[in-house]
Amino acid sequence: MSVSTDEIHDVQPDDSASTLWKDYVAKIRGGDVGSLPAILGLVVLVVAFSLLRPETFTKAFNFGNLIQQSAGVTIIAMGLVFVLLLGEIDLAAGYTAGVSAAVTSVLISNHGWPAAAAIVLGLLTGTAIGIFHGLIVSRLGIPSFVVTLSTFLALQGVLLTFIGEKGSVSAGDFIAKLNSDNLPIWLGWVLAVVLVAAYALMTFANNRRRRGNGLTSEPDVLWALKSASLAVLVFLVVLYLSIERSPNANIKSIKGVPISLVIIIGLALVLSLVLGRTRWGSHVYAVGGNAEAARRAGINVKMVQLSCFMMCSTVAAVGGMMLASYSGGVNNVSGGGQTLLYAVGAAVIGGTSLFGGKGRVVDALIGGTVVAVIQNGMGLMNQPDSRKYIVTGLVLLVAASVDAISRRRAASTGRV
């Protein structure tokens, strides 16, 4: 029996809800779990703390404070995603953040530099550290663990040189506002509408373009579902942050979207576009998946490694400024303590693989939220730091185990 060309063109892909659900379940069973475990864990944590501490955890004041508390670590985690995608590590990211923030703060407070110029030099400090890491790792072949462990120790000395063993330096008024002030309510709503509309239009246009080129694309039903879900989430967040959340509104009013949240989302969008929509981004995934195969395909592996370490340290410098903004300045332990551990944990918990080749910038955002909720919720329950560390460590172990199991499952089903 013959089938006409017109009949072939009339056949449409099945994009019903049931088919989409079956495809998604098959994807999960094949080992491609993505950020699903982290999202489910986040939901469980939020529900649990909301039930245990409804009088504090669910308040708008705590919500805004949680965003500001987690901003620095989350941004550092975004940068770490780039080196983790290569199967590498940057143990110096925390102190890179601290030293970069120290350079900026010293220039502003001790030398009277304009904030813009000091911030640029602080970012360039992070970039320079990243170039050093990248050159040693890519040209000499020394493992990144050893290279960044050495700079982890050295940068502590550099930080003490800037600050003094018992000293501290103010970050300046402009830096302080980045992680303490809020946008006007009207501006928060404008940015929310722009964000949702931009996502919907860009993804719709991309789907149409791919279909026009004969490539696979997500069904319109799925596009509509994602766009609607994003709109609901964004508008609820903006609505909640727009109400008065100050415990003493007569003394100081606190309402509006925190500037730190705008910086986090804006940076995440830019980095996601760079990683997901550029040739360089595809090269990063290729090198992380199989460096030798990438080299044989004509990819400059050494340059990709160098650029990823540069990206990691530059983004860490931004995170350091957010940490300095939240604390009001830089001291001799800025970027130290648990900063690095929480940042690495955030990226891995969110779904970025420690084995390389799998991960997204949004993973750091999701994982950073999980870590922040654990710390915030247990703090409200008056739990000691010892228990916070234990719980966070167990969550990280579970995330790493899920990563290993999912990779094994994907390999057995031929998805890698």
Protein backbone atom coordinates (compact mmCIF):
# COMPACT_ATOMS: atom_id res chain seq x y z
CA MET A 1 0.00 0.00 0.00
CA SER A 2 1.43 3.36 -1.03
CA VAL A 3 1.30 6.51 1.08
CA SER A 4 1.18 9.90 -0.60
CA THR A 5 3.55 12.71 0.24
CA ASP A 6 0.64 14.84 1.48
CA GLU A 7 -0.38 12.10 3.91
CA ILE A 8 3.16 11.98 5.28
CA HIS A 9 3.21 15.74 5.85
CA ASP A 10 -0.17 15.54 7.59
CA VAL A 11 1.23 13.24 10.29
CA GLN A 12 1.82 15.32 13.41
CA PRO A 13 3.97 14.36 16.40
CA ASP A 14 2.03 13.19 19.41
CA ASP A 15 2.46 15.90 22.03
CA SER A 16 -0.40 14.94 24.31
CA ALA A 17 0.08 15.19 28.06
CA SER A 18 0.15 11.41 28.47
CA THR A 19 2.85 11.00 25.82
CA LEU A 20 4.95 13.77 27.33
CA TRP A 21 4.66 12.15 30.74
CA LYS A 22 5.66 8.73 29.37
CA ASP A 23 8.67 10.24 27.63
CA TYR A 24 9.72 12.00 30.83
CA VAL A 25 9.40 8.83 32.91
CA ALA A 26 11.45 6.93 30.33
CA LYS A 27 14.11 9.65 30.54
CA ILE A 28 14.26 9.35 34.33
CA ARG A 29 14.46 5.57 34.19
CA GLY A 30 17.29 5.89 31.71
CA GLY A 31 19.37 7.72 34.31
CA ASP A 32 18.84 11.32 33.19
CA VAL A 33 17.46 12.69 36.46
CA GLY A 34 18.89 16.21 36.15
CA SER A 35 17.88 18.47 39.05
CA LEU A 36 14.81 16.41 39.98
CA PRO A 37 16.26 14.99 43.25
CA ALA A 38 17.30 18.46 44.39
CA ILE A 39 13.91 19.96 43.54
CA LEU A 40 12.07 17.17 45.37
CA GLY A 41 14.43 17.55 48.34
CA LEU A 42 13.84 21.30 48.38
CA VAL A 43 10.07 20.80 48.43
CA VAL A 44 10.38 18.35 51.33
CA LEU A 45 12.60 20.73 53.30
CA VAL A 46 10.34 23.72 52.74
CA VAL A 47 7.24 21.77 53.79
CA ALA A 48 9.01 20.33 56.85
CA PHE A 49 10.35 23.66 58.13
CA SER A 50 7.04 25.38 57.35
CA LEU A 51 5.27 22.87 59.58
CA LEU A 52 7.91 22.94 62.32
CA ARG A 53 8.41 26.73 62.40
CA PRO A 54 5.37 28.32 60.73
CA GLU A 55 5.68 31.49 62.82
CA THR A 56 9.16 32.30 61.47
CA PHE A 57 10.20 30.23 58.45
CA THR A 58 7.25 31.19 56.27
CA LYS A 59 7.44 34.91 56.98
CA ALA A 60 8.36 37.28 54.17
CA PHE A 61 11.16 38.75 56.31
CA ASN A 62 12.84 35.36 56.58
CA PHE A 63 12.35 34.73 52.85
CA GLY A 64 14.12 37.95 51.92
CA ASN A 65 16.85 37.31 54.48
CA LEU A 66 17.38 33.78 53.12
CA ILE A 67 18.02 35.18 49.64
CA GLN A 68 20.59 37.63 50.92
CA GLN A 69 22.32 35.05 53.11
CA SER A 70 22.78 32.61 50.24
CA ALA A 71 23.70 35.09 47.48
CA GLY A 72 27.49 34.92 47.80
CA VAL A 73 27.78 31.14 48.06
CA THR A 74 25.27 30.59 45.24
CA ILE A 75 27.19 32.85 42.86
CA ILE A 76 30.50 31.14 43.70
CA ALA A 77 28.76 27.81 42.97
CA MET A 78 27.73 29.12 39.53
CA GLY A 79 31.37 29.66 38.68
CA LEU A 80 32.37 26.24 40.00
CA VAL A 81 29.94 24.61 37.57
CA PHE A 82 32.32 25.46 34.71
CA VAL A 83 35.29 23.59 36.17
CA LEU A 84 33.14 20.73 37.43
CA LEU A 85 31.88 20.26 33.87
CA LEU A 86 35.49 19.48 32.92
CA GLY A 87 35.76 16.94 35.73
CA GLU A 88 38.11 19.36 37.54
CA ILE A 89 37.87 21.22 40.86
CA ASP A 90 38.82 24.66 42.17
CA LEU A 91 39.55 24.47 45.89
CA ALA A 92 40.67 28.11 45.93
CA ALA A 93 37.35 29.57 44.77
CA GLY A 94 36.39 30.70 48.27
CA TYR A 95 39.61 32.59 48.93
CA THR A 96 39.61 33.90 45.36
CA ALA A 97 36.30 35.50 46.29
CA GLY A 98 37.78 36.87 49.52
CA VAL A 99 40.93 38.30 47.94
CA SER A 100 38.99 39.89 45.05
CA ALA A 101 36.57 41.50 47.49
CA ALA A 102 39.52 42.65 49.61
CA VAL A 103 41.14 44.36 46.62
CA THR A 104 37.89 46.18 45.87
CA SER A 105 37.27 47.16 49.50
CA VAL A 106 40.82 48.39 50.14
CA LEU A 107 40.76 50.52 46.98
CA ILE A 108 37.42 52.07 47.95
CA SER A 109 37.95 52.58 51.69
CA ASN A 110 41.71 53.16 51.98
CA HIS A 111 42.55 54.79 48.66
CA GLY A 112 39.33 56.60 47.73
CA TRP A 113 38.82 54.90 44.36
CA PRO A 114 35.44 55.20 42.62
CA ALA A 115 33.35 52.10 43.25
CA ALA A 116 33.10 51.21 39.55
CA ALA A 117 36.87 51.25 39.00
CA ALA A 118 37.51 49.29 42.20
CA ILE A 119 34.94 46.65 41.23
CA VAL A 120 36.54 46.24 37.80
CA LEU A 121 39.97 45.72 39.34
CA GLY A 122 38.48 43.26 41.84
CA LEU A 123 36.97 41.26 38.98
CA LEU A 124 40.27 41.36 37.09
CA THR A 125 41.97 40.00 40.20
CA GLY A 126 39.67 36.99 40.05
CA THR A 127 40.34 36.61 36.33
CA ALA A 128 44.10 36.70 36.90
CA ILE A 129 43.86 33.95 39.51
CA GLY A 130 41.80 31.89 37.09
CA ILE A 131 44.37 32.39 34.32
CA PHE A 132 47.10 31.15 36.67
CA HIS A 133 45.09 28.03 37.54
CA GLY A 134 44.18 27.37 33.92
CA LEU A 135 47.73 27.73 32.63
CA ILE A 136 49.22 25.40 35.23
CA VAL A 137 46.52 22.76 34.76
CA SER A 138 46.32 22.89 30.96
CA ARG A 139 50.01 23.47 30.08
CA LEU A 140 51.83 21.54 32.79
CA GLY A 141 49.22 18.87 33.35
CA ILE A 142 49.30 19.18 37.14
CA PRO A 143 45.99 17.97 38.66
CA SER A 144 43.64 20.83 39.49
CA PHE A 145 43.25 19.47 43.02
CA VAL A 146 46.96 20.08 43.72
CA VAL A 147 47.15 23.43 41.91
CA THR A 148 44.12 24.96 43.59
CA LEU A 149 45.01 23.49 46.99
CA SER A 150 48.32 25.35 46.80
CA THR A 151 46.62 28.62 45.89
CA PHE A 152 44.01 27.95 48.58
CA LEU A 153 46.86 28.19 51.09
CA ALA A 154 48.69 31.03 49.33
CA LEU A 155 45.62 33.23 48.95
CA GLN A 156 45.03 33.07 52.69
CA GLY A 157 48.41 34.75 53.09
CA VAL A 158 47.53 37.31 50.41
CA LEU A 159 44.28 38.11 52.21
CA LEU A 160 46.11 38.57 55.53
CA THR A 161 48.57 40.89 53.76
CA PHE A 162 45.70 43.09 52.56
CA ILE A 163 43.63 43.04 55.73
CA GLY A 164 46.01 42.25 58.56
CA GLU A 165 45.70 39.25 60.84
CA LYS A 166 43.11 40.89 63.08
CA GLY A 167 41.81 43.62 60.82
CA SER A 168 38.84 44.32 58.59
CA VAL A 169 38.02 46.79 55.83
CA SER A 170 34.66 48.35 55.02
CA ALA A 171 33.25 47.49 51.61
CA GLY A 172 31.90 51.00 51.04
CA ASP A 173 28.33 52.22 50.65
CA PHE A 174 27.84 51.09 47.05
CA ILE A 175 29.01 47.51 47.68
CA ALA A 176 26.98 47.36 50.91
CA LYS A 177 23.77 48.16 49.04
CA LEU A 178 24.16 45.26 46.60
CA ASN A 179 23.13 42.70 49.20
CA SER A 180 21.06 44.76 51.58
CA ASP A 181 18.81 47.11 49.58
CA ASN A 182 15.66 46.33 47.62
CA LEU A 183 14.21 47.48 44.31
CA PRO A 184 11.16 49.74 44.18
CA ILE A 185 8.03 47.58 44.05
CA TRP A 186 7.06 48.79 40.57
CA LEU A 187 10.50 47.95 39.18
CA GLY A 188 10.32 44.43 40.62
CA TRP A 189 7.05 43.82 38.75
CA VAL A 190 8.41 45.28 35.52
CA LEU A 191 11.45 42.98 35.65
CA ALA A 192 9.21 40.00 36.44
CA VAL A 193 7.02 40.63 33.38
CA VAL A 194 10.08 41.19 31.18
CA LEU A 195 11.68 37.95 32.41
CA VAL A 196 8.60 35.81 31.78
CA ALA A 197 7.85 37.41 28.41
CA ALA A 198 11.48 37.08 27.27
CA TYR A 199 11.58 33.41 28.21
CA ALA A 200 8.30 32.63 26.48
CA LEU A 201 9.18 34.50 23.28
CA MET A 202 12.74 33.19 23.03
CA THR A 203 11.81 29.56 23.59
CA PHE A 204 8.84 29.83 21.22
CA ALA A 205 11.03 31.35 18.50
CA ASN A 206 13.71 28.71 19.08
CA ASN A 207 11.16 25.89 18.73
CA ARG A 208 9.84 27.36 15.49
CA ARG A 209 13.36 27.79 14.13
CA ARG A 210 14.30 24.19 14.94
CA ARG A 211 11.15 22.87 13.32
CA GLY A 212 11.80 24.95 10.24
CA ASN A 213 15.26 23.37 10.00
CA GLY A 214 13.88 19.87 10.43
CA LEU A 215 15.33 19.46 13.96
CA THR A 216 13.63 18.09 17.04
CA SER A 217 11.93 20.60 19.33
CA GLU A 218 9.77 20.52 22.41
CA PRO A 219 5.99 20.28 21.78
CA ASP A 220 3.87 23.42 22.13
CA VAL A 221 2.08 21.85 25.09
CA LEU A 222 5.35 21.52 26.96
CA TRP A 223 6.40 25.05 26.01
CA ALA A 224 3.12 26.43 27.32
CA LEU A 225 3.40 24.41 30.53
CA LYS A 226 6.94 25.63 31.21
CA SER A 227 6.07 29.25 30.45
CA ALA A 228 2.97 29.17 32.65
CA SER A 229 4.86 27.51 35.50
CA LEU A 230 7.63 30.11 35.33
CA ALA A 231 5.06 32.92 35.30
CA VAL A 232 3.28 31.56 38.39
CA LEU A 233 6.54 31.06 40.28
CA VAL A 234 8.02 34.46 39.40
CA PHE A 235 4.85 36.42 40.10
CA LEU A 236 4.29 34.67 43.45
CA VAL A 237 7.85 35.44 44.52
CA VAL A 238 7.54 39.10 43.53
CA LEU A 239 4.14 39.37 45.21
CA TYR A 240 5.47 37.88 48.46
CA LEU A 241 8.54 40.13 48.45
CA SER A 242 6.44 43.23 47.71
CA ILE A 243 4.59 43.11 51.02
CA GLU A 244 5.92 44.84 54.12
CA ARG A 245 8.30 42.39 55.82
CA SER A 246 10.05 44.54 58.40
CA PRO A 247 9.56 43.48 62.05
CA ASN A 248 9.59 47.21 62.91
CA ALA A 249 7.98 48.95 59.95
CA ASN A 250 7.64 52.19 61.91
CA ILE A 251 11.42 52.42 62.19
CA LYS A 252 12.44 51.02 58.80
CA SER A 253 10.29 49.73 55.96
CA ILE A 254 11.53 46.65 54.09
CA LYS A 255 9.70 45.65 50.93
CA GLY A 256 10.49 44.97 47.32
CA VAL A 257 12.65 42.46 45.48
CA PRO A 258 16.20 42.31 46.93
CA ILE A 259 18.86 43.65 44.56
CA SER A 260 20.86 40.49 45.29
CA LEU A 261 18.11 38.33 43.75
CA VAL A 262 18.22 40.39 40.55
CA ILE A 263 22.01 39.98 40.41
CA ILE A 264 21.75 36.21 40.96
CA ILE A 265 19.09 35.69 38.29
CA GLY A 266 20.72 38.07 35.83
CA LEU A 267 24.10 36.37 36.21
CA ALA A 268 22.49 32.92 35.93
CA LEU A 269 20.74 33.92 32.69
CA VAL A 270 23.91 35.31 31.12
CA LEU A 271 26.04 32.32 32.11
CA SER A 272 23.34 29.89 30.97
CA LEU A 273 23.18 31.55 27.55
CA VAL A 274 26.97 31.41 27.25
CA LEU A 275 27.06 27.75 28.25
CA GLY A 276 23.99 26.57 26.38
CA ARG A 277 23.82 28.74 23.25
CA THR A 278 27.43 29.23 22.13
CA ARG A 279 29.98 27.07 20.38
CA TRP A 280 32.31 27.56 23.32
CA GLY A 281 29.66 26.11 25.64
CA SER A 282 29.28 23.01 23.46
CA HIS A 283 33.07 22.63 23.53
CA VAL A 284 33.02 22.71 27.34
CA TYR A 285 30.55 19.82 27.44
CA ALA A 286 32.55 17.93 24.82
CA VAL A 287 35.80 18.25 26.75
CA GLY A 288 34.09 17.27 30.00
CA GLY A 289 32.51 14.24 28.37
CA ASN A 290 35.69 12.96 26.69
CA ALA A 291 38.73 15.20 26.40
CA GLU A 292 40.58 12.93 23.98
CA ALA A 293 37.59 12.63 21.65
CA ALA A 294 37.17 16.42 21.79
CA ARG A 295 40.81 16.92 20.88
CA ARG A 296 40.50 14.58 17.91
CA ALA A 297 37.42 16.52 16.80
CA GLY A 298 39.56 19.64 16.51
CA ILE A 299 38.61 21.33 19.80
CA ASN A 300 41.38 23.28 21.54
CA VAL A 301 41.15 21.40 24.85
CA LYS A 302 43.82 23.47 26.61
CA MET A 303 42.09 26.73 25.73
CA VAL A 304 38.75 25.39 26.96
CA GLN A 305 40.36 24.38 30.25
CA LEU A 306 42.00 27.78 30.63
CA SER A 307 38.78 29.67 29.86
CA CYS A 308 36.74 27.59 32.33
CA PHE A 309 39.13 28.33 35.19
CA MET A 310 39.04 32.00 34.20
CA MET A 311 35.25 31.96 34.24
CA CYS A 312 35.15 30.19 37.60
CA SER A 313 37.45 32.68 39.35
CA THR A 314 35.85 35.76 37.76
CA VAL A 315 32.39 34.66 38.89
CA ALA A 316 33.86 33.84 42.33
CA ALA A 317 35.02 37.47 42.52
CA VAL A 318 31.40 38.57 42.06
CA GLY A 319 30.39 36.17 44.83
CA GLY A 320 33.07 37.62 47.08
CA MET A 321 31.65 41.10 46.66
CA MET A 322 28.20 39.80 47.59
CA LEU A 323 29.68 38.18 50.71
CA ALA A 324 31.39 41.46 51.59
CA SER A 325 28.16 43.34 50.99
CA TYR A 326 26.20 41.07 53.33
CA SER A 327 28.77 41.26 56.14
CA GLY A 328 29.50 44.96 55.62
CA GLY A 329 33.14 44.47 54.72
CA VAL A 330 36.08 42.10 54.35
CA ASN A 331 38.02 40.49 57.17
CA ASN A 332 40.87 38.01 57.50
CA VAL A 333 38.62 34.98 56.98
CA SER A 334 36.45 36.26 54.12
CA GLY A 335 35.84 33.42 51.68
CA GLY A 336 37.20 30.89 54.16
CA GLY A 337 35.46 28.60 56.60
CA GLN A 338 32.66 26.66 54.97
CA THR A 339 32.31 29.00 51.97
CA LEU A 340 34.01 26.68 49.47
CA LEU A 341 32.43 23.53 50.88
CA TYR A 342 28.95 25.00 50.66
CA ALA A 343 29.59 26.30 47.13
CA VAL A 344 30.81 22.93 45.85
CA GLY A 345 27.96 21.26 47.70
CA ALA A 346 25.44 23.62 46.11
CA ALA A 347 26.60 22.80 42.57
CA VAL A 348 26.66 19.04 43.18
CA ILE A 349 23.39 18.91 45.11
CA GLY A 350 21.73 20.84 42.29
CA GLY A 351 22.69 18.17 39.76
CA THR A 352 26.14 19.04 38.36
CA SER A 353 28.22 15.88 38.02
CA LEU A 354 31.57 15.49 39.76
CA PHE A 355 32.64 13.29 36.84
CA GLY A 356 32.32 16.06 34.25
CA GLY A 357 30.21 16.54 31.14
CA LYS A 358 26.87 17.07 32.90
CA GLY A 359 25.54 20.14 34.61
CA ARG A 360 23.92 23.55 34.21
CA VAL A 361 24.31 26.94 35.83
CA VAL A 362 20.78 26.65 37.22
CA ASP A 363 21.96 23.60 39.18
CA ALA A 364 24.00 25.93 41.38
CA LEU A 365 20.93 28.11 41.94
CA ILE A 366 18.79 25.14 42.97
CA GLY A 367 21.51 23.55 45.10
CA GLY A 368 22.35 26.87 46.73
CA THR A 369 18.72 27.23 47.73
CA VAL A 370 18.75 23.73 49.26
CA VAL A 371 21.86 24.51 51.31
CA ALA A 372 20.45 27.88 52.40
CA VAL A 373 17.11 26.36 53.45
CA ILE A 374 18.89 23.72 55.55
CA GLN A 375 21.04 26.31 57.31
CA ASN A 376 18.19 28.78 57.74
CA GLY A 377 15.56 26.26 58.86
CA MET A 378 17.80 24.49 61.35
CA GLY A 379 18.95 27.86 62.67
CA LEU A 380 15.35 28.84 63.35
CA MET A 381 14.96 25.55 65.22
CA ASN A 382 17.95 26.53 67.38
CA GLN A 383 19.95 23.52 66.22
CA PRO A 384 23.71 23.64 66.91
CA ASP A 385 26.19 24.08 64.08
CA SER A 386 27.31 20.48 64.52
CA ARG A 387 23.93 19.19 63.37
CA LYS A 388 23.78 21.66 60.48
CA TYR A 389 27.11 20.34 59.20
CA ILE A 390 26.02 16.74 59.61
CA VAL A 391 22.76 17.26 57.71
CA THR A 392 24.39 19.28 54.93
CA GLY A 393 27.13 16.66 54.58
CA LEU A 394 24.61 13.83 54.36
CA VAL A 395 22.62 15.71 51.72
CA LEU A 396 25.81 16.20 49.68
CA LEU A 397 26.65 12.50 50.00
CA VAL A 398 23.18 11.55 48.80
CA ALA A 399 23.53 13.92 45.83
CA ALA A 400 26.90 12.45 44.85
CA SER A 401 25.46 8.93 45.18
CA VAL A 402 22.50 9.81 42.96
CA ASP A 403 24.93 11.22 40.40
CA ALA A 404 27.02 8.04 40.38
CA ILE A 405 23.99 5.76 40.18
CA SER A 406 22.33 7.79 37.42
CA ARG A 407 25.53 7.75 35.35
CA ARG A 408 25.79 3.99 35.73
CA ARG A 409 22.14 3.62 34.77
CA ALA A 410 22.58 5.91 31.76
CA ALA A 411 25.61 3.89 30.62
CA SER A 412 23.70 0.62 30.88
CA THR A 413 20.81 1.97 28.81
CA GLY A 414 23.07 3.53 26.17
CA ARG A 415 22.20 7.16 27.00
CA VAL A 416 25.82 8.24 27.37
